[in-house]
């Protein structure tokens, strides 16, 4: 389904300085004829109920929006692959396919987004555009049939941010190729917009979402993901993955530290071994009757209604 999307022909640095800027028209022909400036009509709602929804009437889902970061080989991709199927993976590292043997028979679909220019050199801008095509296609699939998408995986979100910054540099130098190139000179709004065209579009879908990221250390030894700094605000859960090699000939151990959990704050700072979707779901929703380990295509939504609404519904049934 996703494999039919063609590669983008958009290149990167060779276009710097070739883009011509055009002045936008201040008035349309009709406005000029009338001799006045048109002002757009502000959208207004007829009633308060049309604009706002009572919180007890809103639907709350149990979809997990998770960010996970760590060293290479720490188990980030394996963790993402454990989420409910169908799993759609937007892959920049071209390593996700090897997980197929660990999840035999599971519906996991991968798009390798790596792209090169005409000279065979890696093109971050074309790769970024390919990722935008991928998430747009997934959005269309989910719009037609919500059950067709179980999980969306961005592997890795750190690369999305890196390519977005490359796009920003190209756009900046296209407008002024002799501009002073320094950190203060960049238009970060360009990078943020390109990053969000992939990341935020994934987050808002009615599906589980896993954002993988690379790890960075500061002088004090603290860790962080190398994605856009706002990503921890986008997701509900942040997990730090770590692989510990044994001195013996035994299998390495995988540990996962829950750095953030908006739904259950008591889980923060907890360390768990071999964490997967089922274990994480049961930790967050310990009283749920839903079998979290069941990775069926259709994920039931957890509809929570207030006592008042339930009572009203019961009264209506009795009257009938």
C-alpha atoms as a PDB file:
ATOM      1  CA  UNK A   1       0.000   0.000   0.000  1.00  0.00           C
ATOM      2  CA  UNK A   2       2.696   2.454   1.045  1.00  0.00           C
ATOM      3  CA  UNK A   3       5.314   0.884  -1.188  1.00  0.00           C
ATOM      4  CA  UNK A   4       3.647   2.348  -4.290  1.00  0.00           C
ATOM      5  CA  UNK A   5       4.519   5.901  -3.325  1.00  0.00           C
ATOM      6  CA  UNK A   6       7.142   7.228  -5.709  1.00  0.00           C
ATOM      7  CA  UNK A   7      10.419   8.741  -4.586  1.00  0.00           C
ATOM      8  CA  UNK A   8      10.586  12.503  -4.390  1.00  0.00           C
ATOM      9  CA  UNK A   9      12.703  14.253  -7.018  1.00  0.00           C
ATOM     10  CA  UNK A  10      13.176  17.271  -4.823  1.00  0.00           C
ATOM     11  CA  UNK A  11      16.829  17.836  -4.119  1.00  0.00           C
ATOM     12  CA  UNK A  12      18.618  19.939  -1.592  1.00  0.00           C
ATOM     13  CA  UNK A  13      21.611  22.196  -1.780  1.00  0.00           C
ATOM     14  CA  UNK A  14      21.817  22.522  -5.578  1.00  0.00           C
ATOM     15  CA  UNK A  15      18.650  24.673  -5.447  1.00  0.00           C
ATOM     16  CA  UNK A  16      20.187  27.242  -3.116  1.00  0.00           C
ATOM     17  CA  UNK A  17      20.126  30.699  -4.658  1.00  0.00           C
ATOM     18  CA  UNK A  18      17.924  29.737  -7.622  1.00  0.00           C
ATOM     19  CA  UNK A  19      14.545  30.455  -6.079  1.00  0.00           C
ATOM     20  CA  UNK A  20      12.957  33.702  -7.203  1.00  0.00           C
ATOM     21  CA  UNK A  21      10.931  35.651  -4.733  1.00  0.00           C
ATOM     22  CA  UNK A  22       7.645  37.220  -5.813  1.00  0.00           C
ATOM     23  CA  UNK A  23       5.632  39.998  -4.252  1.00  0.00           C
ATOM     24  CA  UNK A  24       2.181  39.070  -3.066  1.00  0.00           C
ATOM     25  CA  UNK A  25      -0.740  41.113  -4.348  1.00  0.00           C
ATOM     26  CA  UNK A  26      -2.206  43.479  -1.790  1.00  0.00           C
ATOM     27  CA  UNK A  27      -5.619  43.648  -3.409  1.00  0.00           C
ATOM     28  CA  UNK A  28      -7.639  41.572  -5.813  1.00  0.00           C
ATOM     29  CA  UNK A  29      -9.014  43.058  -9.010  1.00  0.00           C
ATOM     30  CA  UNK A  30     -12.463  43.358  -7.483  1.00  0.00           C
ATOM     31  CA  UNK A  31     -11.144  45.213  -4.451  1.00  0.00           C
ATOM     32  CA  UNK A  32      -9.158  47.605  -6.612  1.00  0.00           C
ATOM     33  CA  UNK A  33     -12.296  48.390  -8.587  1.00  0.00           C
ATOM     34  CA  UNK A  34     -14.188  49.194  -5.422  1.00  0.00           C
ATOM     35  CA  UNK A  35     -11.335  51.280  -4.083  1.00  0.00           C
ATOM     36  CA  UNK A  36     -11.240  49.648  -0.659  1.00  0.00           C
ATOM     37  CA  UNK A  37      -9.330  46.928   1.155  1.00  0.00           C
ATOM     38  CA  UNK A  38     -11.183  43.672   1.760  1.00  0.00           C
ATOM     39  CA  UNK A  39     -11.161  42.307   5.289  1.00  0.00           C
ATOM     40  CA  UNK A  40     -11.743  38.576   5.806  1.00  0.00           C
ATOM     41  CA  UNK A  41     -14.943  37.742   7.621  1.00  0.00           C
ATOM     42  CA  UNK A  42     -14.268  36.229  11.044  1.00  0.00           C
ATOM     43  CA  UNK A  43     -15.710  32.797  11.649  1.00  0.00           C
ATOM     44  CA  UNK A  44     -18.232  32.773  14.457  1.00  0.00           C
ATOM     45  CA  UNK A  45     -20.247  30.079  16.192  1.00  0.00           C
ATOM     46  CA  UNK A  46     -23.988  30.435  16.540  1.00  0.00           C
ATOM     47  CA  UNK A  47     -24.159  29.006  20.060  1.00  0.00           C
ATOM     48  CA  UNK A  48     -21.822  28.065  22.886  1.00  0.00           C
ATOM     49  CA  UNK A  49     -22.749  24.401  22.469  1.00  0.00           C
ATOM     50  CA  UNK A  50     -21.653  24.548  18.858  1.00  0.00           C
ATOM     51  CA  UNK A  51     -18.241  25.838  19.878  1.00  0.00           C
ATOM     52  CA  UNK A  52     -17.575  23.771  22.999  1.00  0.00           C
ATOM     53  CA  UNK A  53     -18.265  20.198  24.140  1.00  0.00           C
ATOM     54  CA  UNK A  54     -19.055  19.335  27.745  1.00  0.00           C
ATOM     55  CA  UNK A  55     -16.140  17.387  29.165  1.00  0.00           C
ATOM     56  CA  UNK A  56     -18.365  14.524  30.359  1.00  0.00           C
ATOM     57  CA  UNK A  57     -19.607  14.072  26.784  1.00  0.00           C
ATOM     58  CA  UNK A  58     -16.119  13.851  25.290  1.00  0.00           C
ATOM     59  CA  UNK A  59     -14.683  10.514  24.258  1.00  0.00           C
ATOM     60  CA  UNK A  60     -11.495   9.375  25.964  1.00  0.00           C
ATOM     61  CA  UNK A  61      -9.452   6.737  24.147  1.00  0.00           C
ATOM     62  CA  UNK A  62      -6.824   4.377  25.472  1.00  0.00           C
ATOM     63  CA  UNK A  63      -4.376   4.909  22.617  1.00  0.00           C
ATOM     64  CA  UNK A  64      -0.796   5.180  23.868  1.00  0.00           C
ATOM     65  CA  UNK A  65       1.366   8.000  22.523  1.00  0.00           C
ATOM     66  CA  UNK A  66       4.891   6.997  23.506  1.00  0.00           C
ATOM     67  CA  UNK A  67       8.344   8.454  22.966  1.00  0.00           C
ATOM     68  CA  UNK A  68      11.267   6.083  23.548  1.00  0.00           C
ATOM     69  CA  UNK A  69      14.961   6.928  23.236  1.00  0.00           C
ATOM     70  CA  UNK A  70      18.257   5.217  23.946  1.00  0.00           C
ATOM     71  CA  UNK A  71      21.541   3.928  22.564  1.00  0.00           C
ATOM     72  CA  UNK A  72      21.635   1.873  19.350  1.00  0.00           C
ATOM     73  CA  UNK A  73      20.572  -1.691  20.081  1.00  0.00           C
ATOM     74  CA  UNK A  74      18.750  -0.751  23.296  1.00  0.00           C
ATOM     75  CA  UNK A  75      15.495  -2.338  22.104  1.00  0.00           C
ATOM     76  CA  UNK A  76      13.586   0.717  20.879  1.00  0.00           C
ATOM     77  CA  UNK A  77      12.437  -0.807  17.589  1.00  0.00           C
ATOM     78  CA  UNK A  78      11.580  -4.121  19.249  1.00  0.00           C
ATOM     79  CA  UNK A  79       9.468  -2.229  21.791  1.00  0.00           C
ATOM     80  CA  UNK A  80       7.652  -0.393  18.959  1.00  0.00           C
ATOM     81  CA  UNK A  81       7.036  -3.623  17.035  1.00  0.00           C
ATOM     82  CA  UNK A  82       5.209  -5.097  20.047  1.00  0.00           C
ATOM     83  CA  UNK A  83       2.361  -2.584  19.640  1.00  0.00           C
ATOM     84  CA  UNK A  84      -1.026  -3.556  18.144  1.00  0.00           C
ATOM     85  CA  UNK A  85      -1.226  -4.352  14.456  1.00  0.00           C
ATOM     86  CA  UNK A  86      -1.451  -3.276  11.730  1.00  0.00           C
ATOM     87  CA  UNK A  87       1.818  -1.478  12.489  1.00  0.00           C
ATOM     88  CA  UNK A  88       2.921   1.161   9.974  1.00  0.00           C
ATOM     89  CA  UNK A  89       6.608   2.019  10.266  1.00  0.00           C
ATOM     90  CA  UNK A  90       8.137   5.138   8.724  1.00  0.00           C
ATOM     91  CA  UNK A  91      11.778   4.038   8.757  1.00  0.00           C
ATOM     92  CA  UNK A  92      14.863   6.188   8.184  1.00  0.00           C
ATOM     93  CA  UNK A  93      17.443   3.757   9.552  1.00  0.00           C
ATOM     94  CA  UNK A  94      16.635   0.795   7.267  1.00  0.00           C
ATOM     95  CA  UNK A  95      16.947  -1.682  10.136  1.00  0.00           C
ATOM     96  CA  UNK A  96      13.340  -2.370  11.105  1.00  0.00           C
ATOM     97  CA  UNK A  97      12.858  -5.218   8.622  1.00  0.00           C
ATOM     98  CA  UNK A  98      15.142  -7.539  10.595  1.00  0.00           C
ATOM     99  CA  UNK A  99      12.517  -7.638  13.377  1.00  0.00           C
ATOM    100  CA  UNK A 100      10.203  -9.649  11.141  1.00  0.00           C
ATOM    101  CA  UNK A 101      11.611 -12.962  12.353  1.00  0.00           C
ATOM    102  CA  UNK A 102      10.861 -12.007  15.966  1.00  0.00           C
ATOM    103  CA  UNK A 103       7.212 -11.234  15.161  1.00  0.00           C
ATOM    104  CA  UNK A 104       6.233 -13.966  12.675  1.00  0.00           C
ATOM    105  CA  UNK A 105       2.812 -13.515  11.125  1.00  0.00           C
ATOM    106  CA  UNK A 106       2.290 -10.040  12.558  1.00  0.00           C
ATOM    107  CA  UNK A 107       0.979  -7.344  10.214  1.00  0.00           C
ATOM    108  CA  UNK A 108       3.920  -4.910  10.170  1.00  0.00           C
ATOM    109  CA  UNK A 109       4.402  -2.692   7.120  1.00  0.00           C
ATOM    110  CA  UNK A 110       7.608  -0.721   6.641  1.00  0.00           C
ATOM    111  CA  UNK A 111       8.522   2.145   4.335  1.00  0.00           C
ATOM    112  CA  UNK A 112      12.233   2.845   3.935  1.00  0.00           C
ATOM    113  CA  UNK A 113      12.367   6.605   3.392  1.00  0.00           C
ATOM    114  CA  UNK A 114      16.081   6.936   2.615  1.00  0.00           C
ATOM    115  CA  UNK A 115      16.586   8.885  -0.614  1.00  0.00           C
ATOM    116  CA  UNK A 116      19.596   9.973  -2.677  1.00  0.00           C
ATOM    117  CA  UNK A 117      20.170  12.723  -5.226  1.00  0.00           C
ATOM    118  CA  UNK A 118      21.164  12.250  -8.858  1.00  0.00           C
ATOM    119  CA  UNK A 119      24.800  11.757  -7.858  1.00  0.00           C
ATOM    120  CA  UNK A 120      23.990   9.015  -5.369  1.00  0.00           C
ATOM    121  CA  UNK A 121      24.575  11.208  -2.310  1.00  0.00           C
ATOM    122  CA  UNK A 122      22.143  11.005   0.612  1.00  0.00           C
ATOM    123  CA  UNK A 123      19.481  13.703   0.289  1.00  0.00           C
ATOM    124  CA  UNK A 124      17.910  14.662   3.655  1.00  0.00           C
ATOM    125  CA  UNK A 125      15.331  16.953   2.054  1.00  0.00           C
ATOM    126  CA  UNK A 126      14.039  14.287  -0.344  1.00  0.00           C
ATOM    127  CA  UNK A 127      13.981  11.825   2.558  1.00  0.00           C
ATOM    128  CA  UNK A 128      11.935  14.255   4.641  1.00  0.00           C
ATOM    129  CA  UNK A 129       9.440  14.729   1.811  1.00  0.00           C
ATOM    130  CA  UNK A 130       9.116  10.961   1.513  1.00  0.00           C
ATOM    131  CA  UNK A 131       8.229  10.782   5.215  1.00  0.00           C
ATOM    132  CA  UNK A 132       5.600  13.481   4.723  1.00  0.00           C
ATOM    133  CA  UNK A 133       4.084  11.428   1.897  1.00  0.00           C
ATOM    134  CA  UNK A 134       4.072   8.355   4.123  1.00  0.00           C
ATOM    135  CA  UNK A 135       2.224   9.996   7.031  1.00  0.00           C
ATOM    136  CA  UNK A 136      -0.271  11.612   4.643  1.00  0.00           C
ATOM    137  CA  UNK A 137      -1.008   8.188   3.152  1.00  0.00           C
ATOM    138  CA  UNK A 138      -1.492   6.651   6.602  1.00  0.00           C
ATOM    139  CA  UNK A 139      -3.858   9.500   7.529  1.00  0.00           C
ATOM    140  CA  UNK A 140      -5.941   8.796   4.416  1.00  0.00           C
ATOM    141  CA  UNK A 141      -6.087   5.077   5.227  1.00  0.00           C
ATOM    142  CA  UNK A 142      -7.194   5.806   8.809  1.00  0.00           C
ATOM    143  CA  UNK A 143      -9.830   8.292   7.606  1.00  0.00           C
ATOM    144  CA  UNK A 144     -11.449   5.665   5.392  1.00  0.00           C
ATOM    145  CA  UNK A 145     -11.219   2.908   8.015  1.00  0.00           C
ATOM    146  CA  UNK A 146     -10.003   3.599  11.570  1.00  0.00           C
ATOM    147  CA  UNK A 147      -9.416  -0.087  12.255  1.00  0.00           C
ATOM    148  CA  UNK A 148      -6.962  -0.270   9.324  1.00  0.00           C
ATOM    149  CA  UNK A 149      -4.233   1.432  11.364  1.00  0.00           C
ATOM    150  CA  UNK A 150      -3.306   0.017  14.760  1.00  0.00           C
ATOM    151  CA  UNK A 151       0.044   1.702  15.397  1.00  0.00           C
ATOM    152  CA  UNK A 152       2.193   4.349  13.735  1.00  0.00           C
ATOM    153  CA  UNK A 153       5.957   4.203  14.333  1.00  0.00           C
ATOM    154  CA  UNK A 154       8.440   6.959  13.457  1.00  0.00           C
ATOM    155  CA  UNK A 155      11.887   5.366  13.517  1.00  0.00           C
ATOM    156  CA  UNK A 156      13.544   7.673  14.186  1.00  0.00           C
ATOM    157  CA  UNK A 157      12.056  11.002  15.239  1.00  0.00           C
ATOM    158  CA  UNK A 158      15.592  12.291  15.811  1.00  0.00           C
ATOM    159  CA  UNK A 159      16.202  11.948  12.072  1.00  0.00           C
ATOM    160  CA  UNK A 160      12.977  13.830  11.309  1.00  0.00           C
ATOM    161  CA  UNK A 161      14.296  16.766  13.333  1.00  0.00           C
ATOM    162  CA  UNK A 162      17.756  16.564  11.722  1.00  0.00           C
ATOM    163  CA  UNK A 163      16.299  16.604   8.221  1.00  0.00           C
ATOM    164  CA  UNK A 164      13.949  19.455   9.174  1.00  0.00           C
ATOM    165  CA  UNK A 165      16.958  21.543  10.189  1.00  0.00           C
ATOM    166  CA  UNK A 166      18.637  20.747   6.871  1.00  0.00           C
ATOM    167  CA  UNK A 167      15.482  21.931   5.117  1.00  0.00           C
ATOM    168  CA  UNK A 168      15.588  25.139   7.172  1.00  0.00           C
ATOM    169  CA  UNK A 169      19.173  25.814   6.102  1.00  0.00           C
ATOM    170  CA  UNK A 170      18.300  25.337   2.456  1.00  0.00           C
ATOM    171  CA  UNK A 171      15.272  27.642   2.681  1.00  0.00           C
ATOM    172  CA  UNK A 172      17.330  30.260   4.543  1.00  0.00           C
ATOM    173  CA  UNK A 173      20.148  30.284   1.992  1.00  0.00           C
ATOM    174  CA  UNK A 174      17.709  30.199  -0.919  1.00  0.00           C
ATOM    175  CA  UNK A 175      16.368  33.586   0.130  1.00  0.00           C
ATOM    176  CA  UNK A 176      19.835  35.040   0.752  1.00  0.00           C
ATOM    177  CA  UNK A 177      22.790  32.886  -0.314  1.00  0.00           C
ATOM    178  CA  UNK A 178      25.256  35.403   1.142  1.00  0.00           C
ATOM    179  CA  UNK A 179      23.542  35.555   4.523  1.00  0.00           C
ATOM    180  CA  UNK A 180      25.608  35.101   7.650  1.00  0.00           C
ATOM    181  CA  UNK A 181      25.250  31.429   8.488  1.00  0.00           C
ATOM    182  CA  UNK A 182      25.035  31.019  12.229  1.00  0.00           C
ATOM    183  CA  UNK A 183      22.628  29.559  14.753  1.00  0.00           C
ATOM    184  CA  UNK A 184      20.964  32.912  15.431  1.00  0.00           C
ATOM    185  CA  UNK A 185      20.394  33.490  11.736  1.00  0.00           C
ATOM    186  CA  UNK A 186      18.218  30.455  11.115  1.00  0.00           C
ATOM    187  CA  UNK A 187      14.462  30.718  10.818  1.00  0.00           C
ATOM    188  CA  UNK A 188      13.510  27.993  13.276  1.00  0.00           C
ATOM    189  CA  UNK A 189       9.850  28.330  12.353  1.00  0.00           C
ATOM    190  CA  UNK A 190      10.675  26.634   9.043  1.00  0.00           C
ATOM    191  CA  UNK A 191      12.279  23.666  10.806  1.00  0.00           C
ATOM    192  CA  UNK A 192       9.455  23.383  13.343  1.00  0.00           C
ATOM    193  CA  UNK A 193       6.821  23.391  10.603  1.00  0.00           C
ATOM    194  CA  UNK A 194       8.548  20.664   8.600  1.00  0.00           C
ATOM    195  CA  UNK A 195       9.090  18.542  11.725  1.00  0.00           C
ATOM    196  CA  UNK A 196       5.457  18.861  12.805  1.00  0.00           C
ATOM    197  CA  UNK A 197       4.245  17.962   9.314  1.00  0.00           C
ATOM    198  CA  UNK A 198       5.387  14.446  10.175  1.00  0.00           C
ATOM    199  CA  UNK A 199       5.414  14.152  13.977  1.00  0.00           C
ATOM    200  CA  UNK A 200       2.237  16.023  14.963  1.00  0.00           C
ATOM    201  CA  UNK A 201       0.266  14.523  12.096  1.00  0.00           C
ATOM    202  CA  UNK A 202       1.139  11.111  13.512  1.00  0.00           C
ATOM    203  CA  UNK A 203       0.362  12.045  17.126  1.00  0.00           C
ATOM    204  CA  UNK A 204      -3.183  13.249  16.430  1.00  0.00           C
ATOM    205  CA  UNK A 205      -4.274  10.017  14.717  1.00  0.00           C
ATOM    206  CA  UNK A 206      -6.745   7.603  16.329  1.00  0.00           C
ATOM    207  CA  UNK A 207      -4.028   4.980  16.742  1.00  0.00           C
ATOM    208  CA  UNK A 208      -1.163   4.056  19.014  1.00  0.00           C
ATOM    209  CA  UNK A 209       1.973   6.053  18.198  1.00  0.00           C
ATOM    210  CA  UNK A 210       5.620   5.296  18.991  1.00  0.00           C
ATOM    211  CA  UNK A 211       8.327   7.893  18.405  1.00  0.00           C
ATOM    212  CA  UNK A 212      11.857   6.503  18.656  1.00  0.00           C
ATOM    213  CA  UNK A 213      14.804   8.775  19.283  1.00  0.00           C
ATOM    214  CA  UNK A 214      18.551   8.803  19.753  1.00  0.00           C
ATOM    215  CA  UNK A 215      20.077   9.648  23.110  1.00  0.00           C
ATOM    216  CA  UNK A 216      22.293  12.571  24.153  1.00  0.00           C
ATOM    217  CA  UNK A 217      24.125  13.296  27.411  1.00  0.00           C
ATOM    218  CA  UNK A 218      24.877  16.632  29.038  1.00  0.00           C
ATOM    219  CA  UNK A 219      27.847  17.501  31.261  1.00  0.00           C
ATOM    220  CA  UNK A 220      26.043  16.292  34.380  1.00  0.00           C
ATOM    221  CA  UNK A 221      25.310  12.887  32.870  1.00  0.00           C
ATOM    222  CA  UNK A 222      21.604  13.548  32.380  1.00  0.00           C
ATOM    223  CA  UNK A 223      20.014  12.117  29.257  1.00  0.00           C
ATOM    224  CA  UNK A 224      17.572  13.437  26.692  1.00  0.00           C
ATOM    225  CA  UNK A 225      16.192  12.487  23.313  1.00  0.00           C
ATOM    226  CA  UNK A 226      17.703  14.265  20.318  1.00  0.00           C
ATOM    227  CA  UNK A 227      14.304  14.991  18.800  1.00  0.00           C
ATOM    228  CA  UNK A 228      12.690  18.425  18.720  1.00  0.00           C
ATOM    229  CA  UNK A 229      12.602  19.736  22.296  1.00  0.00           C
ATOM    230  CA  UNK A 230       8.780  19.978  22.289  1.00  0.00           C
ATOM    231  CA  UNK A 231       8.294  16.251  21.593  1.00  0.00           C
ATOM    232  CA  UNK A 232       8.067  15.302  25.318  1.00  0.00           C
ATOM    233  CA  UNK A 233       5.049  17.629  25.530  1.00  0.00           C
ATOM    234  CA  UNK A 234       3.383  15.921  22.553  1.00  0.00           C
ATOM    235  CA  UNK A 235       3.383  12.389  23.986  1.00  0.00           C
ATOM    236  CA  UNK A 236       1.853  10.878  27.125  1.00  0.00           C
ATOM    237  CA  UNK A 237       4.721   8.537  27.976  1.00  0.00           C
ATOM    238  CA  UNK A 238       8.508   8.874  27.721  1.00  0.00           C
ATOM    239  CA  UNK A 239      10.667   5.757  28.099  1.00  0.00           C
ATOM    240  CA  UNK A 240      14.466   5.484  28.249  1.00  0.00           C
ATOM    241  CA  UNK A 241      15.780   2.171  26.873  1.00  0.00           C
ATOM    242  CA  UNK A 242      19.043   0.573  27.965  1.00  0.00           C
ATOM    243  CA  UNK A 243      20.809  -2.665  27.034  1.00  0.00           C
ATOM    244  CA  UNK A 244      23.167  -4.212  29.583  1.00  0.00           C
ATOM    245  CA  UNK A 245      25.591  -6.881  28.376  1.00  0.00           C
ATOM    246  CA  UNK A 246      26.222  -9.734  30.754  1.00  0.00           C
ATOM    247  CA  UNK A 247      29.755 -10.759  31.711  1.00  0.00           C
ATOM    248  CA  UNK A 248      28.728 -14.342  31.168  1.00  0.00           C
ATOM    249  CA  UNK A 249      27.648 -15.875  27.887  1.00  0.00           C
ATOM    250  CA  UNK A 250      24.032 -15.137  28.691  1.00  0.00           C
ATOM    251  CA  UNK A 251      21.641 -12.989  26.661  1.00  0.00           C
ATOM    252  CA  UNK A 252      21.879  -9.207  27.207  1.00  0.00           C
ATOM    253  CA  UNK A 253      19.307  -7.637  29.503  1.00  0.00           C
ATOM    254  CA  UNK A 254      17.011  -4.832  28.408  1.00  0.00           C
ATOM    255  CA  UNK A 255      15.804  -2.247  30.916  1.00  0.00           C
ATOM    256  CA  UNK A 256      13.259   0.517  30.382  1.00  0.00           C
ATOM    257  CA  UNK A 257      12.924   3.548  32.652  1.00  0.00           C
ATOM    258  CA  UNK A 258       9.601   5.382  32.557  1.00  0.00           C
ATOM    259  CA  UNK A 259      10.635   9.024  32.539  1.00  0.00           C
ATOM    260  CA  UNK A 260       7.156  10.481  32.092  1.00  0.00           C
ATOM    261  CA  UNK A 261       3.619   9.115  32.357  1.00  0.00           C
ATOM    262  CA  UNK A 262       0.790  11.631  32.165  1.00  0.00           C
ATOM    263  CA  UNK A 263      -1.922   9.065  32.904  1.00  0.00           C
ATOM    264  CA  UNK A 264      -0.263   7.470  35.940  1.00  0.00           C
ATOM    265  CA  UNK A 265       2.394   9.635  37.586  1.00  0.00           C
ATOM    266  CA  UNK A 266       3.308   6.907  40.077  1.00  0.00           C
ATOM    267  CA  UNK A 267       5.079   5.045  37.275  1.00  0.00           C
ATOM    268  CA  UNK A 268       7.632   7.797  36.749  1.00  0.00           C
ATOM    269  CA  UNK A 269      11.240   6.756  37.516  1.00  0.00           C
ATOM    270  CA  UNK A 270      10.211   3.074  37.630  1.00  0.00           C
ATOM    271  CA  UNK A 271      12.543   0.632  35.851  1.00  0.00           C
ATOM    272  CA  UNK A 272      11.137  -2.454  34.110  1.00  0.00           C
ATOM    273  CA  UNK A 273      12.836  -5.309  32.322  1.00  0.00           C
ATOM    274  CA  UNK A 274      11.790  -6.366  28.812  1.00  0.00           C
ATOM    275  CA  UNK A 275       8.966  -3.836  28.588  1.00  0.00           C
ATOM    276  CA  UNK A 276       6.513  -4.228  25.717  1.00  0.00           C
ATOM    277  CA  UNK A 277       3.084  -2.868  24.797  1.00  0.00           C
ATOM    278  CA  UNK A 278       1.142  -5.355  26.921  1.00  0.00           C
ATOM    279  CA  UNK A 279       3.212  -4.716  30.042  1.00  0.00           C
ATOM    280  CA  UNK A 280       3.129  -0.942  29.607  1.00  0.00           C
ATOM    281  CA  UNK A 281      -0.624  -0.861  29.003  1.00  0.00           C
ATOM    282  CA  UNK A 282      -1.311  -2.927  32.119  1.00  0.00           C
ATOM    283  CA  UNK A 283       0.936  -0.655  34.165  1.00  0.00           C
ATOM    284  CA  UNK A 284      -0.913   2.455  33.019  1.00  0.00           C
ATOM    285  CA  UNK A 285      -4.405   0.939  33.227  1.00  0.00           C
ATOM    286  CA  UNK A 286      -4.120  -1.728  35.983  1.00  0.00           C
ATOM    287  CA  UNK A 287      -7.898  -1.968  36.477  1.00  0.00           C
ATOM    288  CA  UNK A 288      -8.735  -2.369  32.817  1.00  0.00           C
ATOM    289  CA  UNK A 289     -10.494  -5.539  31.725  1.00  0.00           C
ATOM    290  CA  UNK A 290      -9.037  -5.212  28.246  1.00  0.00           C
ATOM    291  CA  UNK A 291      -6.382  -7.748  27.286  1.00  0.00           C
ATOM    292  CA  UNK A 292      -3.536  -5.424  26.368  1.00  0.00           C
ATOM    293  CA  UNK A 293      -1.380  -8.153  24.856  1.00  0.00           C
ATOM    294  CA  UNK A 294      -4.015  -8.910  22.241  1.00  0.00           C
ATOM    295  CA  UNK A 295      -2.705  -7.126  19.140  1.00  0.00           C
ATOM    296  CA  UNK A 296      -5.879  -7.380  17.077  1.00  0.00           C
ATOM    297  CA  UNK A 297      -6.499  -4.798  14.322  1.00  0.00           C
ATOM    298  CA  UNK A 298      -9.565  -3.338  16.015  1.00  0.00           C
ATOM    299  CA  UNK A 299      -8.747  -1.517  19.236  1.00  0.00           C
ATOM    300  CA  UNK A 300     -11.734  -0.816  21.475  1.00  0.00           C
ATOM    301  CA  UNK A 301     -12.053   2.716  22.766  1.00  0.00           C
ATOM    302  CA  UNK A 302     -12.400   3.319  26.449  1.00  0.00           C
ATOM    303  CA  UNK A 303     -15.529   5.441  26.674  1.00  0.00           C
ATOM    304  CA  UNK A 304     -15.921   6.951  30.102  1.00  0.00           C
ATOM    305  CA  UNK A 305     -19.226   8.538  30.981  1.00  0.00           C
ATOM    306  CA  UNK A 306     -20.131  10.534  34.021  1.00  0.00           C
ATOM    307  CA  UNK A 307     -22.550   9.176  36.631  1.00  0.00           C
ATOM    308  CA  UNK A 308     -25.014  11.911  35.739  1.00  0.00           C
ATOM    309  CA  UNK A 309     -25.093  10.918  32.089  1.00  0.00           C
ATOM    310  CA  UNK A 310     -25.467   7.242  32.939  1.00  0.00           C
ATOM    311  CA  UNK A 311     -28.364   8.060  35.243  1.00  0.00           C
ATOM    312  CA  UNK A 312     -30.033  10.118  32.520  1.00  0.00           C
ATOM    313  CA  UNK A 313     -29.685   7.271  30.035  1.00  0.00           C
ATOM    314  CA  UNK A 314     -31.136   4.801  32.526  1.00  0.00           C
ATOM    315  CA  UNK A 315     -34.087   7.092  33.211  1.00  0.00           C
ATOM    316  CA  UNK A 316     -34.776   7.385  29.482  1.00  0.00           C
ATOM    317  CA  UNK A 317     -34.770   3.619  29.103  1.00  0.00           C
ATOM    318  CA  UNK A 318     -37.248   3.233  31.983  1.00  0.00           C
ATOM    319  CA  UNK A 319     -39.616   5.776  30.438  1.00  0.00           C
ATOM    320  CA  UNK A 320     -39.607   3.890  27.179  1.00  0.00           C
END
